[in-house]
N, C-alpha and C. Protein backbone atom coordinates (compact mmCIF):
# COMPACT_ATOMS: atom_id res chain seq x y z
N MET A 1 0.72 56.88 -64.67
CA MET A 1 0.23 55.72 -63.93
C MET A 1 1.36 55.15 -63.07
N LYS A 2 1.02 54.76 -61.87
CA LYS A 2 1.99 54.15 -60.99
C LYS A 2 2.38 52.78 -61.51
N ASN A 3 3.51 52.32 -61.05
CA ASN A 3 3.97 50.99 -61.42
C ASN A 3 3.07 49.96 -60.76
N ILE A 4 2.48 49.07 -61.55
CA ILE A 4 1.52 48.09 -61.04
C ILE A 4 2.21 47.06 -60.14
N TYR A 5 3.51 46.91 -60.27
CA TYR A 5 4.21 45.91 -59.46
C TYR A 5 4.34 46.31 -58.00
N TYR A 6 4.11 47.58 -57.69
CA TYR A 6 4.09 47.99 -56.29
C TYR A 6 2.94 47.31 -55.54
N THR A 7 1.86 47.07 -56.22
CA THR A 7 0.69 46.48 -55.57
C THR A 7 0.66 44.96 -55.69
N SER A 8 1.67 44.36 -56.30
CA SER A 8 1.62 42.92 -56.54
C SER A 8 1.78 42.10 -55.26
N PHE A 9 2.29 42.69 -54.21
CA PHE A 9 2.47 41.95 -52.96
C PHE A 9 1.31 42.13 -51.99
N TYR A 10 0.30 42.87 -52.38
CA TYR A 10 -0.85 43.07 -51.49
C TYR A 10 -1.53 41.76 -51.13
N ALA A 11 -1.66 40.87 -52.10
CA ALA A 11 -2.33 39.59 -51.84
C ALA A 11 -1.53 38.78 -50.82
N PHE A 12 -0.22 38.71 -51.01
CA PHE A 12 0.63 37.97 -50.08
C PHE A 12 0.55 38.55 -48.67
N LEU A 13 0.65 39.87 -48.57
CA LEU A 13 0.59 40.52 -47.26
C LEU A 13 -0.78 40.34 -46.61
N THR A 14 -1.83 40.38 -47.42
CA THR A 14 -3.18 40.17 -46.89
C THR A 14 -3.33 38.76 -46.34
N ILE A 15 -2.82 37.77 -47.07
CA ILE A 15 -2.89 36.39 -46.60
C ILE A 15 -2.12 36.24 -45.30
N ILE A 16 -0.95 36.85 -45.21
CA ILE A 16 -0.16 36.79 -43.98
C ILE A 16 -0.91 37.44 -42.82
N LEU A 17 -1.51 38.61 -43.05
CA LEU A 17 -2.22 39.31 -41.97
C LEU A 17 -3.42 38.52 -41.48
N PHE A 18 -4.25 38.00 -42.39
CA PHE A 18 -5.40 37.22 -41.96
C PHE A 18 -4.95 35.90 -41.32
N THR A 19 -3.84 35.32 -41.79
CA THR A 19 -3.32 34.10 -41.16
C THR A 19 -2.90 34.37 -39.72
N VAL A 20 -2.22 35.48 -39.50
CA VAL A 20 -1.80 35.83 -38.14
C VAL A 20 -3.01 36.06 -37.25
N ALA A 21 -4.00 36.77 -37.76
CA ALA A 21 -5.20 37.06 -36.96
C ALA A 21 -5.93 35.78 -36.57
N ILE A 22 -6.10 34.88 -37.53
CA ILE A 22 -6.80 33.63 -37.24
C ILE A 22 -5.96 32.74 -36.33
N THR A 23 -4.66 32.66 -36.60
CA THR A 23 -3.78 31.79 -35.81
C THR A 23 -3.72 32.22 -34.36
N LEU A 24 -3.73 33.51 -34.09
CA LEU A 24 -3.69 33.96 -32.70
C LEU A 24 -4.90 33.48 -31.93
N ASN A 25 -6.06 33.42 -32.57
CA ASN A 25 -7.26 32.92 -31.89
C ASN A 25 -7.25 31.41 -31.75
N ILE A 26 -6.96 30.71 -32.83
CA ILE A 26 -6.99 29.25 -32.81
C ILE A 26 -5.88 28.70 -31.91
N PHE A 27 -4.74 29.37 -31.86
CA PHE A 27 -3.62 28.91 -31.04
C PHE A 27 -4.01 28.80 -29.57
N GLN A 28 -4.66 29.83 -29.06
CA GLN A 28 -5.05 29.79 -27.65
C GLN A 28 -6.08 28.68 -27.40
N LEU A 29 -7.00 28.50 -28.34
CA LEU A 29 -7.97 27.40 -28.21
C LEU A 29 -7.27 26.04 -28.23
N ALA A 30 -6.27 25.89 -29.10
CA ALA A 30 -5.55 24.62 -29.20
C ALA A 30 -4.76 24.32 -27.94
N ILE A 31 -4.09 25.32 -27.39
CA ILE A 31 -3.32 25.12 -26.16
C ILE A 31 -4.26 24.79 -24.99
N ASN A 32 -5.38 25.47 -24.92
CA ASN A 32 -6.37 25.16 -23.88
C ASN A 32 -6.89 23.74 -24.03
N PHE A 33 -7.17 23.33 -25.26
CA PHE A 33 -7.64 21.97 -25.50
C PHE A 33 -6.59 20.95 -25.10
N LEU A 34 -5.34 21.19 -25.46
CA LEU A 34 -4.27 20.26 -25.08
C LEU A 34 -4.10 20.18 -23.57
N SER A 35 -4.27 21.28 -22.89
CA SER A 35 -4.14 21.29 -21.43
C SER A 35 -5.30 20.55 -20.77
N VAL A 36 -6.52 20.87 -21.19
CA VAL A 36 -7.70 20.28 -20.58
C VAL A 36 -7.80 18.79 -20.87
N SER A 37 -7.44 18.39 -22.06
CA SER A 37 -7.57 16.97 -22.43
C SER A 37 -6.44 16.12 -21.86
N GLY A 38 -5.42 16.73 -21.30
CA GLY A 38 -4.34 15.97 -20.70
C GLY A 38 -3.27 15.55 -21.69
N ILE A 39 -3.27 16.11 -22.86
CA ILE A 39 -2.27 15.76 -23.87
C ILE A 39 -0.99 16.56 -23.67
N LEU A 40 -1.11 17.76 -23.17
CA LEU A 40 0.05 18.64 -23.04
C LEU A 40 1.06 18.12 -22.03
N GLN A 41 0.59 17.57 -20.92
CA GLN A 41 1.51 17.11 -19.87
C GLN A 41 2.42 15.98 -20.35
N PRO A 42 1.92 14.92 -20.99
CA PRO A 42 2.84 13.89 -21.48
C PRO A 42 3.79 14.40 -22.58
N LEU A 43 3.32 15.36 -23.37
CA LEU A 43 4.20 15.92 -24.40
C LEU A 43 5.35 16.70 -23.79
N THR A 44 5.10 17.37 -22.67
CA THR A 44 6.16 18.15 -22.03
C THR A 44 7.25 17.27 -21.44
N ASP A 45 6.97 15.97 -21.26
CA ASP A 45 8.01 15.05 -20.80
C ASP A 45 9.04 14.80 -21.90
N MET A 46 8.60 14.89 -23.16
CA MET A 46 9.50 14.64 -24.29
C MET A 46 10.08 15.93 -24.87
N ILE A 47 9.25 16.97 -24.95
CA ILE A 47 9.65 18.24 -25.58
C ILE A 47 9.31 19.36 -24.60
N PRO A 48 10.17 20.36 -24.50
CA PRO A 48 9.83 21.50 -23.62
C PRO A 48 8.54 22.19 -24.08
N GLU A 49 7.82 22.73 -23.11
CA GLU A 49 6.52 23.35 -23.42
C GLU A 49 6.66 24.53 -24.37
N LYS A 50 7.75 25.24 -24.28
CA LYS A 50 7.98 26.38 -25.18
C LYS A 50 8.03 25.92 -26.63
N GLU A 51 8.72 24.81 -26.88
CA GLU A 51 8.81 24.27 -28.24
C GLU A 51 7.45 23.74 -28.71
N ILE A 52 6.70 23.15 -27.81
CA ILE A 52 5.36 22.67 -28.17
C ILE A 52 4.49 23.85 -28.59
N ARG A 53 4.56 24.93 -27.87
CA ARG A 53 3.78 26.12 -28.21
C ARG A 53 4.22 26.70 -29.56
N ILE A 54 5.53 26.76 -29.79
CA ILE A 54 6.03 27.29 -31.06
C ILE A 54 5.60 26.39 -32.22
N LEU A 55 5.75 25.08 -32.07
CA LEU A 55 5.35 24.16 -33.13
C LEU A 55 3.85 24.19 -33.38
N THR A 56 3.07 24.31 -32.32
CA THR A 56 1.63 24.42 -32.48
C THR A 56 1.25 25.69 -33.24
N PHE A 57 1.86 26.80 -32.86
CA PHE A 57 1.60 28.07 -33.53
C PHE A 57 1.98 27.99 -35.01
N LEU A 58 3.16 27.47 -35.30
CA LEU A 58 3.62 27.37 -36.68
C LEU A 58 2.75 26.40 -37.50
N GLY A 59 2.34 25.31 -36.88
CA GLY A 59 1.48 24.35 -37.58
C GLY A 59 0.13 24.95 -37.93
N ILE A 60 -0.47 25.64 -36.99
CA ILE A 60 -1.76 26.28 -37.24
C ILE A 60 -1.60 27.38 -38.29
N ALA A 61 -0.54 28.17 -38.18
CA ALA A 61 -0.29 29.24 -39.15
C ALA A 61 -0.10 28.67 -40.54
N PHE A 62 0.66 27.60 -40.66
CA PHE A 62 0.90 26.98 -41.97
C PHE A 62 -0.40 26.45 -42.56
N LEU A 63 -1.21 25.82 -41.73
CA LEU A 63 -2.48 25.28 -42.21
C LEU A 63 -3.39 26.39 -42.74
N PHE A 64 -3.53 27.46 -41.99
CA PHE A 64 -4.39 28.55 -42.44
C PHE A 64 -3.79 29.34 -43.59
N TYR A 65 -2.46 29.40 -43.66
CA TYR A 65 -1.82 30.02 -44.82
C TYR A 65 -2.17 29.26 -46.10
N LEU A 66 -2.13 27.93 -46.00
CA LEU A 66 -2.48 27.10 -47.16
C LEU A 66 -3.95 27.27 -47.55
N VAL A 67 -4.82 27.31 -46.55
CA VAL A 67 -6.25 27.47 -46.82
C VAL A 67 -6.53 28.82 -47.48
N LEU A 68 -5.96 29.88 -46.93
CA LEU A 68 -6.19 31.21 -47.49
C LEU A 68 -5.55 31.37 -48.87
N SER A 69 -4.40 30.74 -49.10
CA SER A 69 -3.78 30.79 -50.42
C SER A 69 -4.64 30.06 -51.45
N GLY A 70 -5.19 28.92 -51.06
CA GLY A 70 -6.10 28.21 -51.95
C GLY A 70 -7.35 29.02 -52.23
N LEU A 71 -7.87 29.68 -51.22
CA LEU A 71 -9.04 30.54 -51.39
C LEU A 71 -8.72 31.68 -52.35
N LYS A 72 -7.51 32.22 -52.27
CA LYS A 72 -7.10 33.29 -53.18
C LYS A 72 -7.05 32.79 -54.63
N LEU A 73 -6.53 31.59 -54.83
CA LEU A 73 -6.49 31.04 -56.19
C LEU A 73 -7.89 30.82 -56.75
N ILE A 74 -8.77 30.28 -55.93
CA ILE A 74 -10.15 30.06 -56.37
C ILE A 74 -10.85 31.38 -56.65
N SER A 75 -10.64 32.37 -55.78
CA SER A 75 -11.31 33.66 -56.00
C SER A 75 -10.77 34.36 -57.24
N ASP A 76 -9.48 34.22 -57.53
CA ASP A 76 -8.95 34.80 -58.77
C ASP A 76 -9.58 34.16 -60.00
N MET A 77 -9.74 32.84 -59.96
CA MET A 77 -10.36 32.15 -61.09
C MET A 77 -11.81 32.60 -61.28
N ILE A 78 -12.55 32.70 -60.20
CA ILE A 78 -13.95 33.13 -60.29
C ILE A 78 -14.02 34.57 -60.78
N TRP A 79 -13.14 35.42 -60.28
CA TRP A 79 -13.13 36.82 -60.69
C TRP A 79 -12.81 36.95 -62.18
N GLN A 80 -11.85 36.18 -62.66
CA GLN A 80 -11.49 36.25 -64.07
C GLN A 80 -12.62 35.74 -64.96
N PHE A 81 -13.33 34.72 -64.52
CA PHE A 81 -14.50 34.27 -65.29
C PHE A 81 -15.58 35.35 -65.33
N ALA A 82 -15.78 36.02 -64.21
CA ALA A 82 -16.77 37.10 -64.18
C ALA A 82 -16.37 38.22 -65.14
N LEU A 83 -15.08 38.56 -65.17
CA LEU A 83 -14.61 39.58 -66.10
C LEU A 83 -14.75 39.11 -67.55
N LEU A 84 -14.48 37.86 -67.79
CA LEU A 84 -14.60 37.31 -69.14
C LEU A 84 -16.03 37.40 -69.65
N PHE A 85 -16.98 37.07 -68.80
CA PHE A 85 -18.38 37.01 -69.23
C PHE A 85 -19.07 38.37 -69.26
N PHE A 86 -18.70 39.29 -68.37
CA PHE A 86 -19.52 40.49 -68.20
C PHE A 86 -18.83 41.82 -68.46
N SER A 87 -17.52 41.84 -68.66
CA SER A 87 -16.83 43.10 -68.88
C SER A 87 -16.73 43.41 -70.38
N LYS A 88 -16.83 44.70 -70.70
CA LYS A 88 -16.62 45.13 -72.08
C LYS A 88 -15.14 45.33 -72.37
N ASP A 89 -14.31 45.29 -71.35
CA ASP A 89 -12.89 45.54 -71.49
C ASP A 89 -12.21 44.39 -72.23
N LYS A 90 -11.46 44.71 -73.27
CA LYS A 90 -10.74 43.69 -74.04
C LYS A 90 -9.23 43.81 -73.87
N GLU A 91 -8.76 44.82 -73.15
CA GLU A 91 -7.33 45.08 -73.01
C GLU A 91 -6.76 44.64 -71.67
N GLY A 92 -7.58 44.19 -70.75
CA GLY A 92 -7.09 43.75 -69.44
C GLY A 92 -7.00 44.85 -68.41
N VAL A 93 -7.64 45.98 -68.67
CA VAL A 93 -7.60 47.09 -67.72
C VAL A 93 -8.31 46.69 -66.43
N ASP A 94 -9.43 46.00 -66.55
CA ASP A 94 -10.17 45.58 -65.36
C ASP A 94 -9.36 44.59 -64.52
N TYR A 95 -8.66 43.70 -65.19
CA TYR A 95 -7.86 42.72 -64.46
C TYR A 95 -6.74 43.42 -63.69
N LEU A 96 -6.09 44.40 -64.31
CA LEU A 96 -5.04 45.16 -63.61
C LEU A 96 -5.63 46.00 -62.49
N ALA A 97 -6.86 46.46 -62.67
CA ALA A 97 -7.52 47.27 -61.62
C ALA A 97 -7.78 46.43 -60.38
N THR A 98 -7.99 45.13 -60.55
CA THR A 98 -8.20 44.28 -59.37
C THR A 98 -6.97 44.30 -58.48
N LYS A 99 -5.80 44.36 -59.08
CA LYS A 99 -4.57 44.44 -58.28
C LYS A 99 -4.43 45.83 -57.66
N LYS A 100 -4.82 46.86 -58.39
CA LYS A 100 -4.68 48.22 -57.90
C LYS A 100 -5.59 48.47 -56.70
N TYR A 101 -6.80 47.94 -56.74
CA TYR A 101 -7.76 48.17 -55.66
C TYR A 101 -7.67 47.14 -54.54
N SER A 102 -6.71 46.24 -54.62
CA SER A 102 -6.60 45.22 -53.58
C SER A 102 -6.02 45.76 -52.28
N PHE A 103 -5.72 47.05 -52.24
CA PHE A 103 -5.29 47.65 -50.97
C PHE A 103 -6.41 47.55 -49.93
N VAL A 104 -7.64 47.38 -50.38
CA VAL A 104 -8.77 47.22 -49.46
C VAL A 104 -8.57 45.96 -48.61
N PHE A 105 -8.08 44.90 -49.24
CA PHE A 105 -7.82 43.66 -48.49
C PHE A 105 -6.69 43.85 -47.49
N LEU A 106 -5.70 44.65 -47.85
CA LEU A 106 -4.60 44.93 -46.94
C LEU A 106 -5.10 45.68 -45.70
N ILE A 107 -5.97 46.64 -45.91
CA ILE A 107 -6.57 47.38 -44.79
C ILE A 107 -7.42 46.44 -43.94
N GLY A 108 -8.20 45.58 -44.58
CA GLY A 108 -9.00 44.60 -43.84
C GLY A 108 -8.14 43.65 -43.03
N GLY A 109 -7.00 43.23 -43.59
CA GLY A 109 -6.08 42.36 -42.86
C GLY A 109 -5.50 43.05 -41.64
N LEU A 110 -5.15 44.32 -41.79
CA LEU A 110 -4.62 45.07 -40.64
C LEU A 110 -5.68 45.22 -39.55
N ILE A 111 -6.91 45.50 -39.95
CA ILE A 111 -7.99 45.61 -38.97
C ILE A 111 -8.21 44.27 -38.28
N ALA A 112 -8.14 43.18 -39.03
CA ALA A 112 -8.33 41.85 -38.45
C ALA A 112 -7.25 41.52 -37.43
N VAL A 113 -6.02 41.93 -37.70
CA VAL A 113 -4.94 41.66 -36.74
C VAL A 113 -5.16 42.45 -35.45
N PHE A 114 -5.59 43.69 -35.57
CA PHE A 114 -5.75 44.52 -34.38
C PHE A 114 -7.04 44.23 -33.62
N LEU A 115 -8.05 43.70 -34.29
CA LEU A 115 -9.32 43.38 -33.64
C LEU A 115 -9.53 41.87 -33.62
N ASN A 116 -8.53 41.12 -33.26
CA ASN A 116 -8.63 39.66 -33.35
C ASN A 116 -9.11 39.01 -32.06
N SER A 117 -10.07 39.61 -31.42
CA SER A 117 -10.56 39.04 -30.17
C SER A 117 -11.49 37.86 -30.39
N SER A 118 -11.99 37.69 -31.61
CA SER A 118 -12.92 36.61 -31.88
C SER A 118 -12.83 36.19 -33.34
N LEU A 119 -13.02 34.92 -33.59
CA LEU A 119 -13.06 34.43 -34.97
C LEU A 119 -14.25 35.00 -35.73
N LEU A 120 -15.32 35.25 -35.01
CA LEU A 120 -16.50 35.85 -35.63
C LEU A 120 -16.18 37.25 -36.14
N TYR A 121 -15.45 38.03 -35.35
CA TYR A 121 -15.06 39.38 -35.78
C TYR A 121 -14.17 39.31 -37.02
N ILE A 122 -13.25 38.36 -37.04
CA ILE A 122 -12.37 38.22 -38.19
C ILE A 122 -13.17 37.84 -39.43
N ALA A 123 -14.14 36.95 -39.28
CA ALA A 123 -14.99 36.57 -40.42
C ALA A 123 -15.82 37.74 -40.91
N ILE A 124 -16.35 38.53 -39.99
CA ILE A 124 -17.14 39.71 -40.37
C ILE A 124 -16.25 40.73 -41.08
N ILE A 125 -15.05 40.94 -40.56
CA ILE A 125 -14.11 41.88 -41.20
C ILE A 125 -13.76 41.39 -42.60
N PHE A 126 -13.53 40.10 -42.75
CA PHE A 126 -13.21 39.55 -44.07
C PHE A 126 -14.37 39.74 -45.04
N LEU A 127 -15.58 39.46 -44.59
CA LEU A 127 -16.75 39.63 -45.44
C LEU A 127 -16.96 41.09 -45.82
N LEU A 128 -16.81 41.99 -44.86
CA LEU A 128 -16.94 43.42 -45.16
C LEU A 128 -15.84 43.90 -46.10
N THR A 129 -14.65 43.33 -45.98
CA THR A 129 -13.55 43.67 -46.88
C THR A 129 -13.86 43.25 -48.30
N VAL A 130 -14.38 42.05 -48.46
CA VAL A 130 -14.75 41.57 -49.80
C VAL A 130 -15.83 42.45 -50.41
N ILE A 131 -16.83 42.80 -49.62
CA ILE A 131 -17.91 43.65 -50.13
C ILE A 131 -17.38 45.04 -50.48
N ALA A 132 -16.51 45.60 -49.64
CA ALA A 132 -15.93 46.91 -49.92
C ALA A 132 -15.10 46.88 -51.20
N PHE A 133 -14.33 45.81 -51.40
CA PHE A 133 -13.55 45.68 -52.63
C PHE A 133 -14.46 45.63 -53.85
N LEU A 134 -15.50 44.82 -53.76
CA LEU A 134 -16.41 44.69 -54.90
C LEU A 134 -17.08 46.02 -55.22
N ILE A 135 -17.53 46.73 -54.21
CA ILE A 135 -18.17 48.03 -54.43
C ILE A 135 -17.18 49.04 -55.02
N LEU A 136 -15.98 49.11 -54.44
CA LEU A 136 -14.97 50.04 -54.96
C LEU A 136 -14.61 49.71 -56.40
N PHE A 137 -14.41 48.44 -56.69
CA PHE A 137 -14.05 48.05 -58.05
C PHE A 137 -15.15 48.41 -59.04
N LEU A 138 -16.40 48.09 -58.68
CA LEU A 138 -17.49 48.34 -59.62
C LEU A 138 -17.75 49.84 -59.80
N ILE A 139 -17.53 50.63 -58.76
CA ILE A 139 -17.70 52.08 -58.90
C ILE A 139 -16.60 52.66 -59.79
N LYS A 140 -15.36 52.28 -59.52
CA LYS A 140 -14.23 52.85 -60.27
C LYS A 140 -14.17 52.35 -61.71
N GLN A 141 -14.60 51.12 -61.95
CA GLN A 141 -14.50 50.55 -63.29
C GLN A 141 -15.86 50.48 -63.99
N SER A 142 -16.83 51.23 -63.54
CA SER A 142 -18.19 51.13 -64.08
C SER A 142 -18.28 51.49 -65.56
N ALA A 143 -17.30 52.22 -66.08
CA ALA A 143 -17.34 52.58 -67.50
C ALA A 143 -17.18 51.36 -68.40
N ASN A 144 -16.60 50.30 -67.89
CA ASN A 144 -16.39 49.09 -68.68
C ASN A 144 -17.54 48.09 -68.56
N TYR A 145 -18.65 48.51 -67.96
CA TYR A 145 -19.76 47.59 -67.74
C TYR A 145 -21.07 48.25 -68.15
N THR A 146 -21.95 47.44 -68.68
CA THR A 146 -23.32 47.88 -68.85
C THR A 146 -24.04 47.59 -67.53
N LEU A 147 -25.26 48.06 -67.40
CA LEU A 147 -26.03 47.77 -66.19
C LEU A 147 -26.23 46.27 -66.03
N LEU A 148 -26.49 45.60 -67.14
CA LEU A 148 -26.64 44.14 -67.12
C LEU A 148 -25.32 43.47 -66.74
N GLY A 149 -24.21 44.04 -67.19
CA GLY A 149 -22.90 43.51 -66.84
C GLY A 149 -22.60 43.65 -65.35
N LEU A 150 -22.95 44.80 -64.76
CA LEU A 150 -22.76 44.99 -63.32
C LEU A 150 -23.57 43.98 -62.51
N ILE A 151 -24.82 43.82 -62.92
CA ILE A 151 -25.67 42.83 -62.24
C ILE A 151 -25.11 41.43 -62.44
N GLY A 152 -24.62 41.17 -63.65
CA GLY A 152 -24.05 39.85 -63.95
C GLY A 152 -22.83 39.53 -63.11
N VAL A 153 -21.94 40.50 -62.94
CA VAL A 153 -20.75 40.27 -62.12
C VAL A 153 -21.15 39.95 -60.68
N ILE A 154 -22.06 40.73 -60.15
CA ILE A 154 -22.49 40.52 -58.76
C ILE A 154 -23.19 39.18 -58.60
N MET A 155 -24.11 38.87 -59.50
CA MET A 155 -24.86 37.61 -59.40
C MET A 155 -23.94 36.41 -59.62
N PHE A 156 -23.00 36.53 -60.57
CA PHE A 156 -22.06 35.44 -60.82
C PHE A 156 -21.25 35.13 -59.57
N GLN A 157 -20.74 36.18 -58.93
CA GLN A 157 -19.98 35.99 -57.70
C GLN A 157 -20.84 35.35 -56.60
N LEU A 158 -22.05 35.87 -56.42
CA LEU A 158 -22.93 35.34 -55.38
C LEU A 158 -23.29 33.88 -55.62
N ILE A 159 -23.59 33.54 -56.86
CA ILE A 159 -23.99 32.16 -57.16
C ILE A 159 -22.83 31.20 -56.98
N ILE A 160 -21.67 31.54 -57.53
CA ILE A 160 -20.53 30.63 -57.42
C ILE A 160 -20.09 30.46 -55.97
N TRP A 161 -19.98 31.57 -55.23
CA TRP A 161 -19.57 31.45 -53.82
C TRP A 161 -20.65 30.76 -52.99
N GLY A 162 -21.91 30.95 -53.35
CA GLY A 162 -22.99 30.24 -52.67
C GLY A 162 -22.88 28.74 -52.90
N LEU A 163 -22.57 28.34 -54.12
CA LEU A 163 -22.40 26.91 -54.41
C LEU A 163 -21.19 26.33 -53.68
N ILE A 164 -20.10 27.05 -53.67
CA ILE A 164 -18.90 26.58 -52.96
C ILE A 164 -19.18 26.48 -51.46
N GLY A 165 -19.80 27.51 -50.90
CA GLY A 165 -20.13 27.48 -49.47
C GLY A 165 -21.10 26.37 -49.11
N SER A 166 -22.11 26.16 -49.96
CA SER A 166 -23.07 25.07 -49.71
C SER A 166 -22.38 23.72 -49.76
N GLY A 167 -21.48 23.56 -50.72
CA GLY A 167 -20.74 22.31 -50.83
C GLY A 167 -19.87 22.06 -49.61
N LEU A 168 -19.23 23.10 -49.11
CA LEU A 168 -18.39 22.94 -47.93
C LEU A 168 -19.21 22.61 -46.68
N VAL A 169 -20.35 23.28 -46.53
CA VAL A 169 -21.22 22.99 -45.39
C VAL A 169 -21.75 21.56 -45.46
N TYR A 170 -22.16 21.14 -46.67
CA TYR A 170 -22.64 19.78 -46.86
C TYR A 170 -21.54 18.76 -46.54
N ALA A 171 -20.33 19.02 -47.03
CA ALA A 171 -19.21 18.11 -46.76
C ALA A 171 -18.90 18.05 -45.27
N PHE A 172 -18.94 19.20 -44.59
CA PHE A 172 -18.67 19.22 -43.16
C PHE A 172 -19.68 18.39 -42.40
N PHE A 173 -20.97 18.61 -42.68
CA PHE A 173 -22.00 17.86 -41.94
C PHE A 173 -21.99 16.39 -42.29
N THR A 174 -21.66 16.04 -43.52
CA THR A 174 -21.56 14.64 -43.90
C THR A 174 -20.42 13.97 -43.16
N LEU A 175 -19.25 14.62 -43.14
CA LEU A 175 -18.11 14.05 -42.41
C LEU A 175 -18.38 13.99 -40.91
N PHE A 176 -19.04 15.00 -40.38
CA PHE A 176 -19.37 15.00 -38.96
C PHE A 176 -20.32 13.86 -38.63
N ALA A 177 -21.31 13.62 -39.47
CA ALA A 177 -22.25 12.52 -39.24
C ALA A 177 -21.53 11.17 -39.31
N LYS A 178 -20.63 11.00 -40.28
CA LYS A 178 -19.87 9.75 -40.40
C LYS A 178 -18.98 9.56 -39.18
N PHE A 179 -18.36 10.62 -38.73
CA PHE A 179 -17.49 10.55 -37.55
C PHE A 179 -18.31 10.19 -36.32
N LYS A 180 -19.47 10.81 -36.20
CA LYS A 180 -20.32 10.57 -35.02
C LYS A 180 -20.82 9.13 -34.98
N THR A 181 -21.20 8.59 -36.13
CA THR A 181 -21.69 7.20 -36.15
C THR A 181 -20.57 6.19 -35.99
N SER A 182 -19.34 6.57 -36.26
CA SER A 182 -18.23 5.62 -36.11
C SER A 182 -17.71 5.54 -34.68
N MET A 183 -18.10 6.47 -33.84
CA MET A 183 -17.64 6.45 -32.45
C MET A 183 -18.31 5.32 -31.69
N PRO A 184 -17.57 4.57 -30.90
CA PRO A 184 -18.16 3.41 -30.20
C PRO A 184 -19.03 3.77 -29.01
N PHE A 185 -19.01 5.02 -28.58
CA PHE A 185 -19.81 5.37 -27.40
C PHE A 185 -20.90 6.33 -27.75
């Protein structure tokens, strides 16, 4: 068996790759917004435009790095609960296999960096990467699951992520409605 620590940096590299892909798209939108809204010109009186661009890029990258790192922590917790409830494995082989098969996320991150023409493409690549990882993991580790366990892992993931996504959408629309009603015009 290969040393499992070789694959321990896949998550970090994946987060970096998806952060770069997202930041490259959001950065151009942010600079365009600053230019069109008239904010960039007064800022260039105080700070050179090159530094404004660098700080904007780093700020956006840091923000998305934090978001993706938090998403990784939440997904690890959900994955471990799914393994706890539905896997027959008592030795942690399935948990170590999640690290071994995480090269799928690394490939998805590389594809996202090279095809970063749209945030929609990056989101689709991320979703396809997650589905590919789940399928690869369940095929390779199917000996540790009953048919009910396989269905349970899939349904557990779908339900929990559905609840989290619904909560985020609800929070976004609630905050947007509050923001909209607080505007004086």
